[in-house]
Amino acid sequence: MWGIVGGTNEGIETPWEGLQREIQEEIGEIPKIIKTIPLETFISSDERFRFHTYLCVIKDEFIPKLNHEHDGYAWVGYENWPKPLHHGLRNTLHSKINRVKLETVFDILDLLDK
């Protein structure tokens, strides 16, 4: 099942600190992030679990050093998602609000590359 780097915050970590720690733990290093864009926050019905999803814009692809939580990785184009996707990620990627955000970011990046 395909997913993304993720996890929960530890202790009094902010969502930003949790994001950086999870990236470091799961792919070995934090790439140079040009922009971090919040996509959504999922809150469980009992409000005990919060999962923040971010889009991190980087300039160049790199080879991650995966930890035990991952069996492989892929760089994929927008709308060319690998299958099967984790159900939470699938819901995030199919959300109309998130699709607009993603498409806007990709349009801006395309303009900047010209």
PDB file of N, CA and C in Angstrom:
ATOM      1  N   MET A   1       0.833  -1.165   0.000  1.00  0.00           N
ATOM      2  CA  MET A   1       0.000   0.000   0.000  1.00  0.00           C
ATOM      3  C   MET A   1       0.891   1.246   0.000  1.00  0.00           C
ATOM      4  N   TRP A   2       0.594   2.183  -0.863  1.00  0.00           N
ATOM      5  CA  TRP A   2       1.393   3.400  -0.994  1.00  0.00           C
ATOM      6  C   TRP A   2       0.891   4.481  -0.046  1.00  0.00           C
ATOM      7  N   GLY A   3       1.828   5.165   0.581  1.00  0.00           N
ATOM      8  CA  GLY A   3       1.494   6.254   1.488  1.00  0.00           C
ATOM      9  C   GLY A   3       2.546   7.336   1.392  1.00  0.00           C
ATOM     10  N   ILE A   4       2.537   8.214   2.341  1.00  0.00           N
ATOM     11  CA  ILE A   4       3.499   9.311   2.381  1.00  0.00           C
ATOM     12  C   ILE A   4       4.185   9.322   3.749  1.00  0.00           C
ATOM     13  N   VAL A   5       5.228  10.103   3.859  1.00  0.00           N
ATOM     14  CA  VAL A   5       5.890  10.274   5.153  1.00  0.00           C
ATOM     15  C   VAL A   5       4.856  10.811   6.122  1.00  0.00           C
ATOM     16  N   GLY A   6       4.808  10.245   7.323  1.00  0.00           N
ATOM     17  CA  GLY A   6       3.820  10.747   8.260  1.00  0.00           C
ATOM     18  C   GLY A   6       3.937  10.139   9.635  1.00  0.00           C
ATOM     19  N   GLY A   7       3.142  10.668  10.524  1.00  0.00           N
ATOM     20  CA  GLY A   7       3.108  10.192  11.895  1.00  0.00           C
ATOM     21  C   GLY A   7       2.424  11.218  12.767  1.00  0.00           C
ATOM     22  N   THR A   8       2.486  10.986  14.057  1.00  0.00           N
ATOM     23  CA  THR A   8       1.853  11.908  14.996  1.00  0.00           C
ATOM     24  C   THR A   8       2.910  12.733  15.718  1.00  0.00           C
ATOM     25  N   ASN A   9       2.470  13.851  16.251  1.00  0.00           N
ATOM     26  CA  ASN A   9       3.385  14.687  17.025  1.00  0.00           C
ATOM     27  C   ASN A   9       3.714  14.000  18.339  1.00  0.00           C
ATOM     28  N   GLU A  10       4.912  14.233  18.814  1.00  0.00           N
ATOM     29  CA  GLU A  10       5.352  13.666  20.087  1.00  0.00           C
ATOM     30  C   GLU A  10       5.419  14.772  21.132  1.00  0.00           C
ATOM     31  N   GLY A  11       4.874  14.487  22.294  1.00  0.00           N
ATOM     32  CA  GLY A  11       4.943  15.456  23.391  1.00  0.00           C
ATOM     33  C   GLY A  11       4.325  16.783  23.015  1.00  0.00           C
ATOM     34  N   ILE A  12       5.116  17.839  23.167  1.00  0.00           N
ATOM     35  CA  ILE A  12       4.606  19.193  22.899  1.00  0.00           C
ATOM     36  C   ILE A  12       5.070  19.725  21.536  1.00  0.00           C
ATOM     37  N   GLU A  13       5.437  18.802  20.630  1.00  0.00           N
ATOM     38  CA  GLU A  13       5.858  19.222  19.290  1.00  0.00           C
ATOM     39  C   GLU A  13       4.759  20.004  18.588  1.00  0.00           C
ATOM     40  N   THR A  14       5.169  21.005  17.844  1.00  0.00           N
ATOM     41  CA  THR A  14       4.246  21.691  16.943  1.00  0.00           C
ATOM     42  C   THR A  14       4.091  20.819  15.705  1.00  0.00           C
ATOM     43  N   PRO A  15       3.050  21.045  14.896  1.00  0.00           N
ATOM     44  CA  PRO A  15       2.933  20.291  13.652  1.00  0.00           C
ATOM     45  C   PRO A  15       4.181  20.439  12.761  1.00  0.00           C
ATOM     46  N   TRP A  16       4.776  21.633  12.712  1.00  0.00           N
ATOM     47  CA  TRP A  16       5.977  21.860  11.904  1.00  0.00           C
ATOM     48  C   TRP A  16       7.152  21.034  12.423  1.00  0.00           C
ATOM     49  N   GLU A  17       7.336  21.007  13.744  1.00  0.00           N
ATOM     50  CA  GLU A  17       8.411  20.205  14.329  1.00  0.00           C
ATOM     51  C   GLU A  17       8.176  18.717  14.081  1.00  0.00           C
ATOM     52  N   GLY A  18       6.925  18.281  14.181  1.00  0.00           N
ATOM     53  CA  GLY A  18       6.590  16.882  13.913  1.00  0.00           C
ATOM     54  C   GLY A  18       6.860  16.510  12.471  1.00  0.00           C
ATOM     55  N   LEU A  19       6.527  17.413  11.552  1.00  0.00           N
ATOM     56  CA  LEU A  19       6.794  17.175  10.126  1.00  0.00           C
ATOM     57  C   LEU A  19       8.285  16.992   9.880  1.00  0.00           C
ATOM     58  N   GLN A  20       9.087  17.878  10.418  1.00  0.00           N
ATOM     59  CA  GLN A  20      10.533  17.791  10.213  1.00  0.00           C
ATOM     60  C   GLN A  20      11.102  16.501  10.814  1.00  0.00           C
ATOM     61  N   ARG A  21      10.649  16.137  12.013  1.00  0.00           N
ATOM     62  CA  ARG A  21      11.144  14.919  12.646  1.00  0.00           C
ATOM     63  C   ARG A  21      10.751  13.684  11.836  1.00  0.00           C
ATOM     64  N   GLU A  22       9.507  13.618  11.387  1.00  0.00           N
ATOM     65  CA  GLU A  22       9.057  12.464  10.614  1.00  0.00           C
ATOM     66  C   GLU A  22       9.820  12.344   9.291  1.00  0.00           C
ATOM     67  N   ILE A  23      10.064  13.468   8.623  1.00  0.00           N
ATOM     68  CA  ILE A  23      10.853  13.428   7.393  1.00  0.00           C
ATOM     69  C   ILE A  23      12.232  12.860   7.692  1.00  0.00           C
ATOM     70  N   GLN A  24      12.882  13.381   8.708  1.00  0.00           N
ATOM     71  CA  GLN A  24      14.224  12.929   9.088  1.00  0.00           C
ATOM     72  C   GLN A  24      14.226  11.436   9.414  1.00  0.00           C
ATOM     73  N   GLU A  25      13.268  10.991  10.207  1.00  0.00           N
ATOM     74  CA  GLU A  25      13.218   9.588  10.613  1.00  0.00           C
ATOM     75  C   GLU A  25      12.950   8.649   9.438  1.00  0.00           C
ATOM     76  N   GLU A  26      12.026   9.032   8.565  1.00  0.00           N
ATOM     77  CA  GLU A  26      11.552   8.102   7.548  1.00  0.00           C
ATOM     78  C   GLU A  26      12.339   8.120   6.249  1.00  0.00           C
ATOM     79  N   ILE A  27      12.937   9.264   5.892  1.00  0.00           N
ATOM     80  CA  ILE A  27      13.697   9.290   4.633  1.00  0.00           C
ATOM     81  C   ILE A  27      15.143   9.731   4.813  1.00  0.00           C
ATOM     82  N   GLY A  28      15.599   9.825   6.056  1.00  0.00           N
ATOM     83  CA  GLY A  28      17.013   9.991   6.335  1.00  0.00           C
ATOM     84  C   GLY A  28      17.559  11.402   6.358  1.00  0.00           C
ATOM     85  N   GLU A  29      16.915  12.323   5.697  1.00  0.00           N
ATOM     86  CA  GLU A  29      17.389  13.700   5.698  1.00  0.00           C
ATOM     87  C   GLU A  29      16.243  14.615   5.318  1.00  0.00           C
ATOM     88  N   ILE A  30      16.358  15.861   5.702  1.00  0.00           N
ATOM     89  CA  ILE A  30      15.360  16.842   5.306  1.00  0.00           C
ATOM     90  C   ILE A  30      15.891  17.554   4.073  1.00  0.00           C
ATOM     91  N   PRO A  31      15.231  17.369   2.926  1.00  0.00           N
ATOM     92  CA  PRO A  31      15.699  18.073   1.726  1.00  0.00           C
ATOM     93  C   PRO A  31      15.470  19.569   1.873  1.00  0.00           C
ATOM     94  N   LYS A  32      16.080  20.351   1.021  1.00  0.00           N
ATOM     95  CA  LYS A  32      15.857  21.800   1.050  1.00  0.00           C
ATOM     96  C   LYS A  32      14.420  22.052   0.600  1.00  0.00           C
ATOM     97  N   ILE A  33      13.592  22.442   1.562  1.00  0.00           N
ATOM     98  CA  ILE A  33      12.178  22.685   1.288  1.00  0.00           C
ATOM     99  C   ILE A  33      12.012  24.142   0.894  1.00  0.00           C
ATOM    100  N   ILE A  34      11.518  24.367  -0.317  1.00  0.00           N
ATOM    101  CA  ILE A  34      11.312  25.719  -0.822  1.00  0.00           C
ATOM    102  C   ILE A  34      10.059  26.337  -0.213  1.00  0.00           C
ATOM    103  N   LYS A  35       9.011  25.533  -0.101  1.00  0.00           N
ATOM    104  CA  LYS A  35       7.744  26.018   0.438  1.00  0.00           C
ATOM    105  C   LYS A  35       7.004  24.848   1.063  1.00  0.00           C
ATOM    106  N   THR A  36       6.359  25.083   2.195  1.00  0.00           N
ATOM    107  CA  THR A  36       5.513  24.087   2.844  1.00  0.00           C
ATOM    108  C   THR A  36       4.091  24.636   2.853  1.00  0.00           C
ATOM    109  N   ILE A  37       3.169  23.860   2.293  1.00  0.00           N
ATOM    110  CA  ILE A  37       1.791  24.310   2.161  1.00  0.00           C
ATOM    111  C   ILE A  37       0.875  23.333   2.891  1.00  0.00           C
ATOM    112  N   PRO A  38       0.142  23.803   3.907  1.00  0.00           N
ATOM    113  CA  PRO A  38      -0.801  22.920   4.583  1.00  0.00           C
ATOM    114  C   PRO A  38      -1.939  22.543   3.635  1.00  0.00           C
ATOM    115  N   LEU A  39      -2.248  21.249   3.558  1.00  0.00           N
ATOM    116  CA  LEU A  39      -3.374  20.810   2.730  1.00  0.00           C
ATOM    117  C   LEU A  39      -4.620  20.594   3.577  1.00  0.00           C
ATOM    118  N   GLU A  40      -4.460  19.850   4.677  1.00  0.00           N
ATOM    119  CA  GLU A  40      -5.628  19.582   5.505  1.00  0.00           C
ATOM    120  C   GLU A  40      -5.195  19.072   6.870  1.00  0.00           C
ATOM    121  N   THR A  41      -6.139  19.074   7.794  1.00  0.00           N
ATOM    122  CA  THR A  41      -5.956  18.450   9.100  1.00  0.00           C
ATOM    123  C   THR A  41      -7.126  17.511   9.317  1.00  0.00           C
ATOM    124  N   PHE A  42      -6.808  16.238   9.545  1.00  0.00           N
ATOM    125  CA  PHE A  42      -7.823  15.247   9.869  1.00  0.00           C
ATOM    126  C   PHE A  42      -7.886  15.135  11.388  1.00  0.00           C
ATOM    127  N   ILE A  43      -9.098  15.217  11.940  1.00  0.00           N
ATOM    128  CA  ILE A  43      -9.294  15.066  13.375  1.00  0.00           C
ATOM    129  C   ILE A  43     -10.257  13.907  13.590  1.00  0.00           C
ATOM    130  N   SER A  44      -9.836  12.936  14.402  1.00  0.00           N
ATOM    131  CA  SER A  44     -10.685  11.774  14.664  1.00  0.00           C
ATOM    132  C   SER A  44     -11.969  12.198  15.374  1.00  0.00           C
ATOM    133  N   SER A  45     -12.981  11.359  15.295  1.00  0.00           N
ATOM    134  CA  SER A  45     -14.280  11.701  15.879  1.00  0.00           C
ATOM    135  C   SER A  45     -14.196  11.922  17.388  1.00  0.00           C
ATOM    136  N   ASP A  46     -13.244  11.257  18.066  1.00  0.00           N
ATOM    137  CA  ASP A  46     -13.080  11.473  19.505  1.00  0.00           C
ATOM    138  C   ASP A  46     -12.094  12.618  19.812  1.00  0.00           C
ATOM    139  N   GLU A  47     -11.589  13.265  18.760  1.00  0.00           N
ATOM    140  CA  GLU A  47     -10.672  14.413  18.832  1.00  0.00           C
ATOM    141  C   GLU A  47      -9.340  14.098  19.531  1.00  0.00           C
ATOM    142  N   ARG A  48      -8.974  12.822  19.616  1.00  0.00           N
ATOM    143  CA  ARG A  48      -7.711  12.451  20.252  1.00  0.00           C
ATOM    144  C   ARG A  48      -6.587  12.336  19.237  1.00  0.00           C
ATOM    145  N   PHE A  49      -6.918  12.281  17.958  1.00  0.00           N
ATOM    146  CA  PHE A  49      -5.916  12.090  16.922  1.00  0.00           C
ATOM    147  C   PHE A  49      -6.051  13.197  15.890  1.00  0.00           C
ATOM    148  N   ARG A  50      -4.937  13.872  15.623  1.00  0.00           N
ATOM    149  CA  ARG A  50      -4.893  14.922  14.587  1.00  0.00           C
ATOM    150  C   ARG A  50      -3.776  14.574  13.618  1.00  0.00           C
ATOM    151  N   PHE A  51      -4.113  14.570  12.344  1.00  0.00           N
ATOM    152  CA  PHE A  51      -3.127  14.242  11.321  1.00  0.00           C
ATOM    153  C   PHE A  51      -3.075  15.410  10.345  1.00  0.00           C
ATOM    154  N   HIS A  52      -1.941  16.095  10.296  1.00  0.00           N
ATOM    155  CA  HIS A  52      -1.761  17.249   9.421  1.00  0.00           C
ATOM    156  C   HIS A  52      -1.098  16.775   8.134  1.00  0.00           C
ATOM    157  N   THR A  53      -1.617  17.224   7.003  1.00  0.00           N
ATOM    158  CA  THR A  53      -1.032  16.867   5.710  1.00  0.00           C
ATOM    159  C   THR A  53      -0.491  18.123   5.050  1.00  0.00           C
ATOM    160  N   TYR A  54       0.769  18.045   4.616  1.00  0.00           N
ATOM    161  CA  TYR A  54       1.438  19.181   3.983  1.00  0.00           C
ATOM    162  C   TYR A  54       1.963  18.785   2.615  1.00  0.00           C
ATOM    163  N   LEU A  55       2.042  19.764   1.744  1.00  0.00           N
ATOM    164  CA  LEU A  55       2.762  19.634   0.485  1.00  0.00           C
ATOM    165  C   LEU A  55       4.084  20.364   0.690  1.00  0.00           C
ATOM    166  N   CYS A  56       5.184  19.647   0.541  1.00  0.00           N
ATOM    167  CA  CYS A  56       6.506  20.256   0.655  1.00  0.00           C
ATOM    168  C   CYS A  56       7.093  20.366  -0.740  1.00  0.00           C
ATOM    169  N   VAL A  57       7.340  21.583  -1.176  1.00  0.00           N
ATOM    170  CA  VAL A  57       7.900  21.829  -2.500  1.00  0.00           C
ATOM    171  C   VAL A  57       9.424  21.801  -2.396  1.00  0.00           C
ATOM    172  N   ILE A  58      10.040  20.953  -3.210  1.00  0.00           N
ATOM    173  CA  ILE A  58      11.503  20.879  -3.268  1.00  0.00           C
ATOM    174  C   ILE A  58      11.919  21.081  -4.714  1.00  0.00           C
ATOM    175  N   LYS A  59      13.182  21.433  -4.920  1.00  0.00           N
ATOM    176  CA  LYS A  59      13.643  21.710  -6.277  1.00  0.00           C
ATOM    177  C   LYS A  59      14.032  20.444  -7.032  1.00  0.00           C
ATOM    178  N   ASP A  60      14.758  19.549  -6.381  1.00  0.00           N
ATOM    179  CA  ASP A  60      15.291  18.375  -7.079  1.00  0.00           C
ATOM    180  C   ASP A  60      14.892  17.076  -6.390  1.00  0.00           C
ATOM    181  N   GLU A  61      14.679  16.064  -7.205  1.00  0.00           N
ATOM    182  CA  GLU A  61      14.461  14.726  -6.667  1.00  0.00           C
ATOM    183  C   GLU A  61      15.749  14.265  -5.994  1.00  0.00           C
ATOM    184  N   PHE A  62      15.617  13.331  -5.071  1.00  0.00           N
ATOM    185  CA  PHE A  62      16.778  12.784  -4.366  1.00  0.00           C
ATOM    186  C   PHE A  62      16.471  11.333  -4.036  1.00  0.00           C
ATOM    187  N   ILE A  63      17.485  10.595  -3.639  1.00  0.00           N
ATOM    188  CA  ILE A  63      17.301   9.205  -3.238  1.00  0.00           C
ATOM    189  C   ILE A  63      17.205   9.171  -1.717  1.00  0.00           C
ATOM    190  N   PRO A  64      16.023   8.828  -1.194  1.00  0.00           N
ATOM    191  CA  PRO A  64      15.868   8.799   0.260  1.00  0.00           C
ATOM    192  C   PRO A  64      16.545   7.572   0.874  1.00  0.00           C
ATOM    193  N   LYS A  65      16.893   7.695   2.139  1.00  0.00           N
ATOM    194  CA  LYS A  65      17.419   6.568   2.917  1.00  0.00           C
ATOM    195  C   LYS A  65      16.282   6.103   3.808  1.00  0.00           C
ATOM    196  N   LEU A  66      15.496   5.162   3.313  1.00  0.00           N
ATOM    197  CA  LEU A  66      14.261   4.746   3.970  1.00  0.00           C
ATOM    198  C   LEU A  66      14.515   4.000   5.273  1.00  0.00           C
ATOM    199  N   ASN A  67      13.631   4.228   6.249  1.00  0.00           N
ATOM    200  CA  ASN A  67      13.700   3.453   7.475  1.00  0.00           C
ATOM    201  C   ASN A  67      12.823   2.214   7.335  1.00  0.00           C
ATOM    202  N   HIS A  68      12.640   1.481   8.431  1.00  0.00           N
ATOM    203  CA  HIS A  68      11.895   0.226   8.421  1.00  0.00           C
ATOM    204  C   HIS A  68      10.409   0.383   8.090  1.00  0.00           C
ATOM    205  N   GLU A  69       9.887   1.602   8.092  1.00  0.00           N
ATOM    206  CA  GLU A  69       8.467   1.819   7.827  1.00  0.00           C
ATOM    207  C   GLU A  69       8.127   1.781   6.339  1.00  0.00           C
ATOM    208  N   HIS A  70       9.140   1.778   5.482  1.00  0.00           N
ATOM    209  CA  HIS A  70       8.905   1.847   4.044  1.00  0.00           C
ATOM    210  C   HIS A  70       9.682   0.755   3.314  1.00  0.00           C
ATOM    211  N   ASP A  71       9.060   0.223   2.260  1.00  0.00           N
ATOM    212  CA  ASP A  71       9.701  -0.811   1.436  1.00  0.00           C
ATOM    213  C   ASP A  71      10.248  -0.246   0.133  1.00  0.00           C
ATOM    214  N   GLY A  72       9.838   0.944  -0.232  1.00  0.00           N
ATOM    215  CA  GLY A  72      10.286   1.534  -1.487  1.00  0.00           C
ATOM    216  C   GLY A  72       9.751   2.946  -1.614  1.00  0.00           C
ATOM    217  N   TYR A  73      10.110   3.583  -2.698  1.00  0.00           N
ATOM    218  CA  TYR A  73       9.638   4.948  -2.944  1.00  0.00           C
ATOM    219  C   TYR A  73       9.481   5.139  -4.440  1.00  0.00           C
ATOM    220  N   ALA A  74       8.768   6.185  -4.829  1.00  0.00           N
ATOM    221  CA  ALA A  74       8.609   6.524  -6.241  1.00  0.00           C
ATOM    222  C   ALA A  74       8.375   8.024  -6.358  1.00  0.00           C
ATOM    223  N   TRP A  75       8.939   8.611  -7.385  1.00  0.00           N
ATOM    224  CA  TRP A  75       8.620   9.987  -7.757  1.00  0.00           C
ATOM    225  C   TRP A  75       7.570   9.867  -8.854  1.00  0.00           C
ATOM    226  N   VAL A  76       6.400  10.431  -8.632  1.00  0.00           N
ATOM    227  CA  VAL A  76       5.307  10.286  -9.593  1.00  0.00           C
ATOM    228  C   VAL A  76       4.761  11.653  -9.975  1.00  0.00           C
ATOM    229  N   GLY A  77       4.166  11.719 -11.140  1.00  0.00           N
ATOM    230  CA  GLY A  77       3.536  12.946 -11.596  1.00  0.00           C
ATOM    231  C   GLY A  77       2.139  13.096 -11.014  1.00  0.00           C
ATOM    232  N   TYR A  78       1.666  14.325 -11.013  1.00  0.00           N
ATOM    233  CA  TYR A  78       0.312  14.608 -10.531  1.00  0.00           C
ATOM    234  C   TYR A  78      -0.694  13.778 -11.318  1.00  0.00           C
ATOM    235  N   GLU A  79      -1.606  13.140 -10.613  1.00  0.00           N
ATOM    236  CA  GLU A  79      -2.637  12.265 -11.168  1.00  0.00           C
ATOM    237  C   GLU A  79      -2.104  10.903 -11.614  1.00  0.00           C
ATOM    238  N   ASN A  80      -0.831  10.641 -11.445  1.00  0.00           N
ATOM    239  CA  ASN A  80      -0.255   9.334 -11.789  1.00  0.00           C
ATOM    240  C   ASN A  80       0.139   8.590 -10.515  1.00  0.00           C
ATOM    241  N   TRP A  81      -0.774   8.546  -9.551  1.00  0.00           N
ATOM    242  CA  TRP A  81      -0.504   7.955  -8.253  1.00  0.00           C
ATOM    243  C   TRP A  81      -0.320   6.447  -8.374  1.00  0.00           C
ATOM    244  N   PRO A  82       0.605   5.888  -7.595  1.00  0.00           N
ATOM    245  CA  PRO A  82       0.744   4.427  -7.586  1.00  0.00           C
ATOM    246  C   PRO A  82      -0.473   3.801  -6.894  1.00  0.00           C
ATOM    247  N   LYS A  83      -0.679   2.517  -7.134  1.00  0.00           N
ATOM    248  CA  LYS A  83      -1.818   1.823  -6.530  1.00  0.00           C
ATOM    249  C   LYS A  83      -1.331   0.560  -5.853  1.00  0.00           C
ATOM    250  N   PRO A  84      -1.977   0.138  -4.790  1.00  0.00           N
ATOM    251  CA  PRO A  84      -3.106   0.804  -4.128  1.00  0.00           C
ATOM    252  C   PRO A  84      -2.621   1.888  -3.172  1.00  0.00           C
ATOM    253  N   LEU A  85      -3.363   2.978  -3.116  1.00  0.00           N
ATOM    254  CA  LEU A  85      -3.059   4.066  -2.189  1.00  0.00           C
ATOM    255  C   LEU A  85      -3.671   3.772  -0.824  1.00  0.00           C
ATOM    256  N   HIS A  86      -2.975   4.192   0.226  1.00  0.00           N
ATOM    257  CA  HIS A  86      -3.551   4.156   1.571  1.00  0.00           C
ATOM    258  C   HIS A  86      -4.861   4.935   1.523  1.00  0.00           C
ATOM    259  N   HIS A  87      -5.903   4.439   2.180  1.00  0.00           N
ATOM    260  CA  HIS A  87      -7.228   5.067   2.066  1.00  0.00           C
ATOM    261  C   HIS A  87      -7.239   6.530   2.504  1.00  0.00           C
ATOM    262  N   GLY A  88      -6.484   6.876   3.540  1.00  0.00           N
ATOM    263  CA  GLY A  88      -6.432   8.274   3.975  1.00  0.00           C
ATOM    264  C   GLY A  88      -5.789   9.172   2.930  1.00  0.00           C
ATOM    265  N   LEU A  89      -4.705   8.691   2.311  1.00  0.00           N
ATOM    266  CA  LEU A  89      -4.045   9.459   1.256  1.00  0.00           C
ATOM    267  C   LEU A  89      -4.950   9.574   0.034  1.00  0.00           C
ATOM    268  N   ARG A  90      -5.637   8.485  -0.305  1.00  0.00           N
ATOM    269  CA  ARG A  90      -6.564   8.522  -1.446  1.00  0.00           C
ATOM    270  C   ARG A  90      -7.636   9.588  -1.211  1.00  0.00           C
ATOM    271  N   ASN A  91      -8.190   9.623   0.006  1.00  0.00           N
ATOM    272  CA  ASN A  91      -9.208  10.636   0.320  1.00  0.00           C
ATOM    273  C   ASN A  91      -8.636  12.040   0.210  1.00  0.00           C
ATOM    274  N   THR A  92      -7.418  12.238   0.696  1.00  0.00           N
ATOM    275  CA  THR A  92      -6.768  13.552   0.618  1.00  0.00           C
ATOM    276  C   THR A  92      -6.590  13.978  -0.831  1.00  0.00           C
ATOM    277  N   LEU A  93      -6.094  13.064  -1.666  1.00  0.00           N
ATOM    278  CA  LEU A  93      -5.815  13.405  -3.062  1.00  0.00           C
ATOM    279  C   LEU A  93      -7.082  13.594  -3.898  1.00  0.00           C
ATOM    280  N   HIS A  94      -8.181  13.009  -3.470  1.00  0.00           N
ATOM    281  CA  HIS A  94      -9.430  13.143  -4.224  1.00  0.00           C
ATOM    282  C   HIS A  94     -10.341  14.246  -3.692  1.00  0.00           C
ATOM    283  N   SER A  95      -9.954  14.887  -2.589  1.00  0.00           N
ATOM    284  CA  SER A  95     -10.733  15.995  -2.046  1.00  0.00           C
ATOM    285  C   SER A  95     -10.720  17.160  -3.027  1.00  0.00           C
ATOM    286  N   LYS A  96     -11.891  17.703  -3.320  1.00  0.00           N
ATOM    287  CA  LYS A  96     -11.978  18.827  -4.266  1.00  0.00           C
ATOM    288  C   LYS A  96     -11.170  20.023  -3.784  1.00  0.00           C
ATOM    289  N   ILE A  97     -11.227  20.301  -2.489  1.00  0.00           N
ATOM    290  CA  ILE A  97     -10.486  21.436  -1.936  1.00  0.00           C
ATOM    291  C   ILE A  97      -8.980  21.229  -2.113  1.00  0.00           C
ATOM    292  N   ASN A  98      -8.506  20.036  -1.798  1.00  0.00           N
ATOM    293  CA  ASN A  98      -7.078  19.748  -1.940  1.00  0.00           C
ATOM    294  C   ASN A  98      -6.648  19.727  -3.395  1.00  0.00           C
ATOM    295  N   ARG A  99      -7.504  19.243  -4.287  1.00  0.00           N
ATOM    296  CA  ARG A  99      -7.170  19.231  -5.716  1.00  0.00           C
ATOM    297  C   ARG A  99      -6.960  20.657  -6.232  1.00  0.00           C
ATOM    298  N   VAL A 100      -7.810  21.571  -5.803  1.00  0.00           N
ATOM    299  CA  VAL A 100      -7.662  22.979  -6.214  1.00  0.00           C
ATOM    300  C   VAL A 100      -6.343  23.530  -5.682  1.00  0.00           C
ATOM    301  N   LYS A 101      -6.034  23.250  -4.416  1.00  0.00           N
ATOM    302  CA  LYS A 101      -4.775  23.725  -3.843  1.00  0.00           C
ATOM    303  C   LYS A 101      -3.584  23.162  -4.615  1.00  0.00           C
ATOM    304  N   LEU A 102      -3.591  21.854  -4.849  1.00  0.00           N
ATOM    305  CA  LEU A 102      -2.477  21.222  -5.568  1.00  0.00           C
ATOM    306  C   LEU A 102      -2.336  21.770  -6.980  1.00  0.00           C
ATOM    307  N   GLU A 103      -3.432  21.869  -7.697  1.00  0.00           N
ATOM    308  CA  GLU A 103      -3.379  22.380  -9.069  1.00  0.00           C
ATOM    309  C   GLU A 103      -2.876  23.817  -9.109  1.00  0.00           C
ATOM    310  N   THR A 104      -3.281  24.633  -8.155  1.00  0.00           N
ATOM    311  CA  THR A 104      -2.814  26.017  -8.079  1.00  0.00           C
ATOM    312  C   THR A 104      -1.306  26.060  -7.863  1.00  0.00           C
ATOM    313  N   VAL A 105      -0.813  25.257  -6.917  1.00  0.00           N
ATOM    314  CA  VAL A 105       0.631  25.219  -6.649  1.00  0.00           C
ATOM    315  C   VAL A 105       1.389  24.763  -7.891  1.00  0.00           C
ATOM    316  N   PHE A 106       0.920  23.709  -8.538  1.00  0.00           N
ATOM    317  CA  PHE A 106       1.620  23.206  -9.718  1.00  0.00           C
ATOM    318  C   PHE A 106       1.579  24.208 -10.867  1.00  0.00           C
ATOM    319  N   ASP A 107       0.468  24.933 -11.027  1.00  0.00           N
ATOM    320  CA  ASP A 107       0.390  25.982 -12.050  1.00  0.00           C
ATOM    321  C   ASP A 107       1.404  27.085 -11.768  1.00  0.00           C
ATOM    322  N   ILE A 108       1.515  27.500 -10.513  1.00  0.00           N
ATOM    323  CA  ILE A 108       2.475  28.547 -10.138  1.00  0.00           C
ATOM    324  C   ILE A 108       3.904  28.074 -10.394  1.00  0.00           C
ATOM    325  N   LEU A 109       4.191  26.823 -10.009  1.00  0.00           N
ATOM    326  CA  LEU A 109       5.544  26.285 -10.241  1.00  0.00           C
ATOM    327  C   LEU A 109       5.864  26.223 -11.719  1.00  0.00           C
ATOM    328  N   ASP A 110       4.890  25.853 -12.536  1.00  0.00           N
ATOM    329  CA  ASP A 110       5.104  25.837 -13.988  1.00  0.00           C
ATOM    330  C   ASP A 110       5.428  27.232 -14.503  1.00  0.00           C
ATOM    331  N   LEU A 111       4.718  28.254 -14.010  1.00  0.00           N
ATOM    332  CA  LEU A 111       4.973  29.634 -14.429  1.00  0.00           C
ATOM    333  C   LEU A 111       6.376  30.075 -14.018  1.00  0.00           C
ATOM    334  N   LEU A 112       6.816  29.679 -12.824  1.00  0.00           N
ATOM    335  CA  LEU A 112       8.137  30.069 -12.347  1.00  0.00           C
ATOM    336  C   LEU A 112       9.254  29.416 -13.144  1.00  0.00           C
ATOM    337  N   ASP A 113       8.985  28.226 -13.682  1.00  0.00           N
ATOM    338  CA  ASP A 113      10.005  27.518 -14.464  1.00  0.00           C
ATOM    339  C   ASP A 113      10.179  28.092 -15.858  1.00  0.00           C
ATOM    340  N   LYS A 114       9.246  28.920 -16.289  1.00  0.00           N
ATOM    341  CA  LYS A 114       9.312  29.468 -17.662  1.00  0.00           C
ATOM    342  C   LYS A 114      10.147  30.703 -17.729  1.00  0.00           C
TER     343      LYS A 114
END
